[in-house]
């Protein structure tokens, strides 16, 4: 088989039973959302690159964020004729749906300031990430479909409870045994407060968040072999930040490691000290 007949690695053709299975899953998720009062939103697959810039979404919009993980392109905007030079617009294939939803929300707020809140919506959208080739497998792909639920315009914690409940119910309806479902809840406000109290600067705080996100992925079974190296990363980050030992402990510097002497030997081998 020649390369002309093969899709790009990390993408794929879906036909027959695999496609019917995927459609059954997405249909069940969409039906559940509609049944609980959520409206569907469809976002463009191509967005302005500026909508995903660091100024808009921050340094780390999802775990292990790296701008090189996006597919960027130049969109040629022709006007009256294809014979005239186009205006080039920086764009990208969307790597996830939430940022596009928030971009749409900003436009809604400016166009309809009297809009009645809250707003409950869901989306099913193809997403594209330029994942590292050596990390590609059946679960980590460069093209995938993302399902998302959003409750917008309410500070009530009941909205979070409802979303967690619907996620749990969806797993049951898809045939996942109840005894195997575990819900882990986090709040970025806790992280932000710990950053403030421990006196971390923005750059190490971002790097720390990415390492903690990656550890959470390891605990969920995604490339768990990375876990020891990520613990080392957290150890190094908090060491370089010269944190008070109390805050070093809070950030889990000593987690999953041996005694102090073993850690010291490890640090010497790696060429750093604290």
Protein backbone atom coordinates (compact mmCIF):
# COMPACT_ATOMS: atom_id res chain seq x y z
CA UNK A 1 0.00 0.00 0.00
CA UNK A 2 1.38 3.40 -0.98
CA UNK A 3 1.34 6.52 1.19
CA UNK A 4 -1.23 8.01 -1.20
CA UNK A 5 -3.76 5.50 0.16
CA UNK A 6 -2.92 6.11 3.84
CA UNK A 7 -4.35 8.89 6.02
CA UNK A 8 -1.95 10.95 8.08
CA UNK A 9 -0.83 9.20 11.25
CA UNK A 10 -3.14 9.95 14.12
CA UNK A 11 -6.14 10.32 11.83
CA UNK A 12 -8.16 7.57 10.17
CA UNK A 13 -11.03 6.43 8.03
CA UNK A 14 -14.00 5.03 9.95
CA UNK A 15 -16.48 2.69 8.30
CA UNK A 16 -18.94 -0.04 9.17
CA UNK A 17 -19.22 -1.29 12.75
CA UNK A 18 -16.63 1.11 14.28
CA UNK A 19 -18.51 4.08 12.84
CA UNK A 20 -21.89 2.71 13.95
CA UNK A 21 -20.49 2.30 17.50
CA UNK A 22 -19.21 5.87 17.58
CA UNK A 23 -22.49 7.25 16.24
CA UNK A 24 -24.40 5.24 18.87
CA UNK A 25 -22.26 6.77 21.63
CA UNK A 26 -22.54 10.34 20.37
CA UNK A 27 -26.27 9.92 19.79
CA UNK A 28 -26.78 8.66 23.35
CA UNK A 29 -24.78 11.59 24.79
CA UNK A 30 -26.67 14.15 22.71
CA UNK A 31 -30.04 12.62 23.65
CA UNK A 32 -29.14 12.71 27.35
CA UNK A 33 -28.11 16.37 27.13
CA UNK A 34 -31.28 17.41 25.30
CA UNK A 35 -33.39 15.45 27.76
CA UNK A 36 -32.00 17.67 30.54
CA UNK A 37 -32.55 20.97 28.76
CA UNK A 38 -29.23 21.51 26.97
CA UNK A 39 -29.20 23.01 23.46
CA UNK A 40 -26.55 22.01 20.95
CA UNK A 41 -24.05 24.51 19.57
CA UNK A 42 -21.89 23.93 16.51
CA UNK A 43 -18.61 25.82 16.32
CA UNK A 44 -16.32 26.28 13.29
CA UNK A 45 -13.50 23.79 12.87
CA UNK A 46 -11.23 26.66 11.77
CA UNK A 47 -10.78 29.60 14.14
CA UNK A 48 -8.68 32.72 14.12
CA UNK A 49 -5.34 31.97 15.71
CA UNK A 50 -5.75 35.08 17.85
CA UNK A 51 -8.76 33.47 19.57
CA UNK A 52 -6.37 30.85 20.98
CA UNK A 53 -3.50 33.20 21.74
CA UNK A 54 -1.81 33.36 25.14
CA UNK A 55 -3.36 36.78 25.73
CA UNK A 56 -6.85 35.28 25.44
CA UNK A 57 -6.62 31.79 26.94
CA UNK A 58 -3.52 32.07 29.13
CA UNK A 59 -0.39 29.98 29.15
CA UNK A 60 -1.94 26.55 29.75
CA UNK A 61 -5.47 26.00 28.39
CA UNK A 62 -5.26 22.22 28.70
CA UNK A 63 -2.82 19.66 30.14
CA UNK A 64 0.67 19.74 28.65
CA UNK A 65 -0.13 22.76 26.48
CA UNK A 66 2.35 23.60 23.76
CA UNK A 67 1.52 25.88 20.85
CA UNK A 68 3.38 23.51 18.56
CA UNK A 69 0.60 21.03 19.32
CA UNK A 70 -1.82 23.02 17.15
CA UNK A 71 -2.25 22.89 13.38
CA UNK A 72 -1.79 26.47 12.16
CA UNK A 73 -2.59 27.65 8.65
CA UNK A 74 -2.92 30.77 6.55
CA UNK A 75 -6.43 31.30 5.19
CA UNK A 76 -6.38 33.22 1.87
CA UNK A 77 -9.31 35.68 1.90
CA UNK A 78 -10.17 36.55 -1.71
CA UNK A 79 -12.66 39.35 -2.25
CA UNK A 80 -14.03 40.31 -5.65
CA UNK A 81 -11.85 37.97 -7.73
CA UNK A 82 -9.46 35.05 -7.37
CA UNK A 83 -7.13 36.97 -9.68
CA UNK A 84 -6.39 39.59 -7.02
CA UNK A 85 -3.91 38.87 -4.19
CA UNK A 86 -5.69 37.53 -1.11
CA UNK A 87 -5.51 38.85 2.43
CA UNK A 88 -3.99 36.14 4.62
CA UNK A 89 -5.62 35.41 7.98
CA UNK A 90 -3.77 33.45 10.65
CA UNK A 91 -5.95 30.52 11.71
CA UNK A 92 -5.81 27.04 13.20
CA UNK A 93 -7.79 23.82 13.33
CA UNK A 94 -9.51 23.89 16.71
CA UNK A 95 -7.72 21.74 19.33
CA UNK A 96 -10.76 21.69 21.66
CA UNK A 97 -14.28 23.09 21.84
CA UNK A 98 -14.53 25.12 25.04
CA UNK A 99 -12.43 28.07 23.84
CA UNK A 100 -14.60 28.40 20.73
CA UNK A 101 -17.71 28.34 22.95
CA UNK A 102 -16.30 31.13 25.13
CA UNK A 103 -15.43 33.13 22.01
CA UNK A 104 -19.05 32.73 20.87
CA UNK A 105 -20.24 33.69 24.35
CA UNK A 106 -18.29 36.95 24.20
CA UNK A 107 -19.99 37.82 20.92
CA UNK A 108 -23.39 36.94 22.40
CA UNK A 109 -22.79 39.24 25.37
CA UNK A 110 -21.88 42.15 23.09
CA UNK A 111 -24.78 41.61 20.68
CA UNK A 112 -27.50 40.73 23.22
CA UNK A 113 -26.68 42.39 26.56
CA UNK A 114 -30.21 41.63 27.85
CA UNK A 115 -29.89 37.89 27.21
CA UNK A 116 -31.61 35.81 29.92
CA UNK A 117 -29.23 33.53 31.82
CA UNK A 118 -28.27 30.82 32.61
CA UNK A 119 -27.62 29.11 29.31
CA UNK A 120 -27.19 25.34 29.05
CA UNK A 121 -25.54 23.95 25.94
CA UNK A 122 -23.51 21.03 24.63
CA UNK A 123 -21.29 20.41 21.65
CA UNK A 124 -19.99 17.48 19.62
CA UNK A 125 -17.09 18.60 17.48
CA UNK A 126 -14.04 17.18 15.70
CA UNK A 127 -10.80 18.47 17.23
CA UNK A 128 -7.23 18.46 15.97
CA UNK A 129 -3.97 18.34 17.94
CA UNK A 130 -0.50 17.81 16.56
CA UNK A 131 0.41 15.18 19.14
CA UNK A 132 3.94 13.79 19.31
CA UNK A 133 4.23 10.95 16.83
CA UNK A 134 5.82 8.54 19.33
CA UNK A 135 2.86 9.02 21.69
CA UNK A 136 0.13 8.20 19.18
CA UNK A 137 -2.04 5.17 19.86
CA UNK A 138 -5.68 4.12 19.64
CA UNK A 139 -6.65 6.60 22.38
CA UNK A 140 -4.33 9.54 21.66
CA UNK A 141 -4.90 10.73 18.11
CA UNK A 142 -4.38 13.88 16.08
CA UNK A 143 -8.07 13.99 15.16
CA UNK A 144 -10.78 13.09 17.66
CA UNK A 145 -14.37 13.97 18.56
CA UNK A 146 -15.01 15.94 21.74
CA UNK A 147 -18.27 16.06 23.67
CA UNK A 148 -18.74 18.94 26.09
CA UNK A 149 -21.41 20.26 28.46
CA UNK A 150 -21.50 23.90 29.57
CA UNK A 151 -23.71 25.82 31.99
CA UNK A 152 -23.06 29.51 31.39
CA UNK A 153 -24.09 32.58 33.34
CA UNK A 154 -24.57 31.24 36.86
CA UNK A 155 -22.24 31.19 39.90
CA UNK A 156 -24.32 28.46 41.54
CA UNK A 157 -22.47 25.31 42.56
CA UNK A 158 -25.57 23.33 41.63
CA UNK A 159 -24.61 23.77 37.98
CA UNK A 160 -21.34 21.91 38.61
CA UNK A 161 -23.23 19.21 40.48
CA UNK A 162 -25.65 18.82 37.57
CA UNK A 163 -22.83 18.45 35.03
CA UNK A 164 -21.05 15.86 37.19
CA UNK A 165 -24.35 14.00 37.60
CA UNK A 166 -24.97 13.97 33.85
CA UNK A 167 -21.45 12.74 33.11
CA UNK A 168 -21.95 9.91 35.59
CA UNK A 169 -25.39 9.01 34.21
CA UNK A 170 -24.01 9.02 30.66
CA UNK A 171 -21.41 6.41 31.61
CA UNK A 172 -24.10 4.20 33.14
CA UNK A 173 -26.27 4.56 30.03
CA UNK A 174 -23.32 3.58 27.85
CA UNK A 175 -22.99 0.33 29.79
CA UNK A 176 -20.09 1.21 32.12
CA UNK A 177 -20.56 -0.75 35.38
CA UNK A 178 -21.45 1.59 38.24
CA UNK A 179 -18.82 0.09 40.55
CA UNK A 180 -16.04 1.10 38.13
CA UNK A 181 -16.99 4.78 37.91
CA UNK A 182 -15.02 7.15 40.12
CA UNK A 183 -15.56 10.92 40.20
CA UNK A 184 -12.58 13.14 40.98
CA UNK A 185 -13.37 16.83 41.47
CA UNK A 186 -10.90 19.70 41.33
CA UNK A 187 -11.17 23.48 41.36
CA UNK A 188 -8.59 25.78 39.79
CA UNK A 189 -9.39 28.32 42.54
CA UNK A 190 -7.65 26.01 45.02
CA UNK A 191 -4.56 25.88 42.82
CA UNK A 192 -4.57 29.67 42.35
CA UNK A 193 -4.88 30.26 46.09
CA UNK A 194 -1.99 27.89 46.83
CA UNK A 195 0.11 29.70 44.22
CA UNK A 196 -0.67 33.00 45.92
CA UNK A 197 0.08 31.75 49.43
CA UNK A 198 3.33 30.03 48.46
CA UNK A 199 4.56 33.07 46.51
CA UNK A 200 5.13 31.33 43.18
CA UNK A 201 5.81 33.53 40.17
CA UNK A 202 3.62 33.04 37.05
CA UNK A 203 6.14 31.03 35.01
CA UNK A 204 6.90 28.31 37.60
CA UNK A 205 3.20 28.26 38.53
CA UNK A 206 2.26 27.43 34.94
CA UNK A 207 4.94 24.74 34.71
CA UNK A 208 3.77 23.31 38.02
CA UNK A 209 0.15 23.21 36.83
CA UNK A 210 1.16 21.37 33.67
CA UNK A 211 3.12 18.80 35.68
CA UNK A 212 0.19 18.27 38.07
CA UNK A 213 -2.21 17.92 35.13
CA UNK A 214 0.08 15.31 33.60
CA UNK A 215 0.25 13.42 36.91
CA UNK A 216 -3.55 13.38 36.98
CA UNK A 217 -3.48 11.85 33.50
CA UNK A 218 -0.99 9.21 34.71
CA UNK A 219 -3.29 8.30 37.60
CA UNK A 220 -6.11 7.94 35.08
CA UNK A 221 -4.02 5.41 33.16
CA UNK A 222 -2.63 7.60 30.38
CA UNK A 223 1.09 6.79 30.00
CA UNK A 224 1.60 6.09 33.72
CA UNK A 225 5.30 5.43 33.15
CA UNK A 226 5.80 9.23 33.13
CA UNK A 227 4.84 9.54 36.80
CA UNK A 228 8.33 9.30 38.42
CA UNK A 229 9.79 11.86 36.00
CA UNK A 230 6.89 14.22 36.66
CA UNK A 231 7.46 13.96 40.41
CA UNK A 232 11.08 14.93 39.69
CA UNK A 233 9.84 17.90 37.68
CA UNK A 234 7.70 19.13 40.59
CA UNK A 235 10.61 18.61 42.96
CA UNK A 236 12.90 20.64 40.70
CA UNK A 237 10.37 23.43 40.16
CA UNK A 238 9.68 23.97 43.85
CA UNK A 239 13.40 23.76 44.59
CA UNK A 240 14.28 26.38 41.98
CA UNK A 241 11.52 28.62 43.37
CA UNK A 242 13.19 28.47 46.83
CA UNK A 243 9.90 27.66 48.53
CA UNK A 244 9.53 27.46 52.26
CA UNK A 245 9.67 23.74 53.25
CA UNK A 246 6.04 23.91 54.37
CA UNK A 247 4.92 24.86 50.87
CA UNK A 248 7.28 22.36 49.27
CA UNK A 249 5.43 19.71 51.27
CA UNK A 250 2.03 21.14 50.26
CA UNK A 251 2.94 20.83 46.58
CA UNK A 252 3.79 17.17 47.09
CA UNK A 253 7.55 17.45 46.60
CA UNK A 254 8.08 14.33 48.69
CA UNK A 255 5.22 12.35 47.12
CA UNK A 256 5.92 8.81 45.95
CA UNK A 257 9.63 9.08 46.73
CA UNK A 258 12.07 7.39 49.06
CA UNK A 259 14.06 8.82 51.97
CA UNK A 260 16.04 12.02 52.00
CA UNK A 261 19.34 10.28 51.29
CA UNK A 262 17.92 8.52 48.22
CA UNK A 263 16.53 11.82 46.93
CA UNK A 264 19.88 13.53 47.46
CA UNK A 265 21.68 10.85 45.45
CA UNK A 266 19.07 11.18 42.71
CA UNK A 267 19.54 14.94 42.56
CA UNK A 268 23.34 14.62 42.34
CA UNK A 269 23.04 12.20 39.46
CA UNK A 270 20.63 14.55 37.66
CA UNK A 271 23.02 17.46 38.17
CA UNK A 272 20.96 19.70 40.41
CA UNK A 273 20.77 20.38 44.10
CA UNK A 274 18.52 22.10 46.59
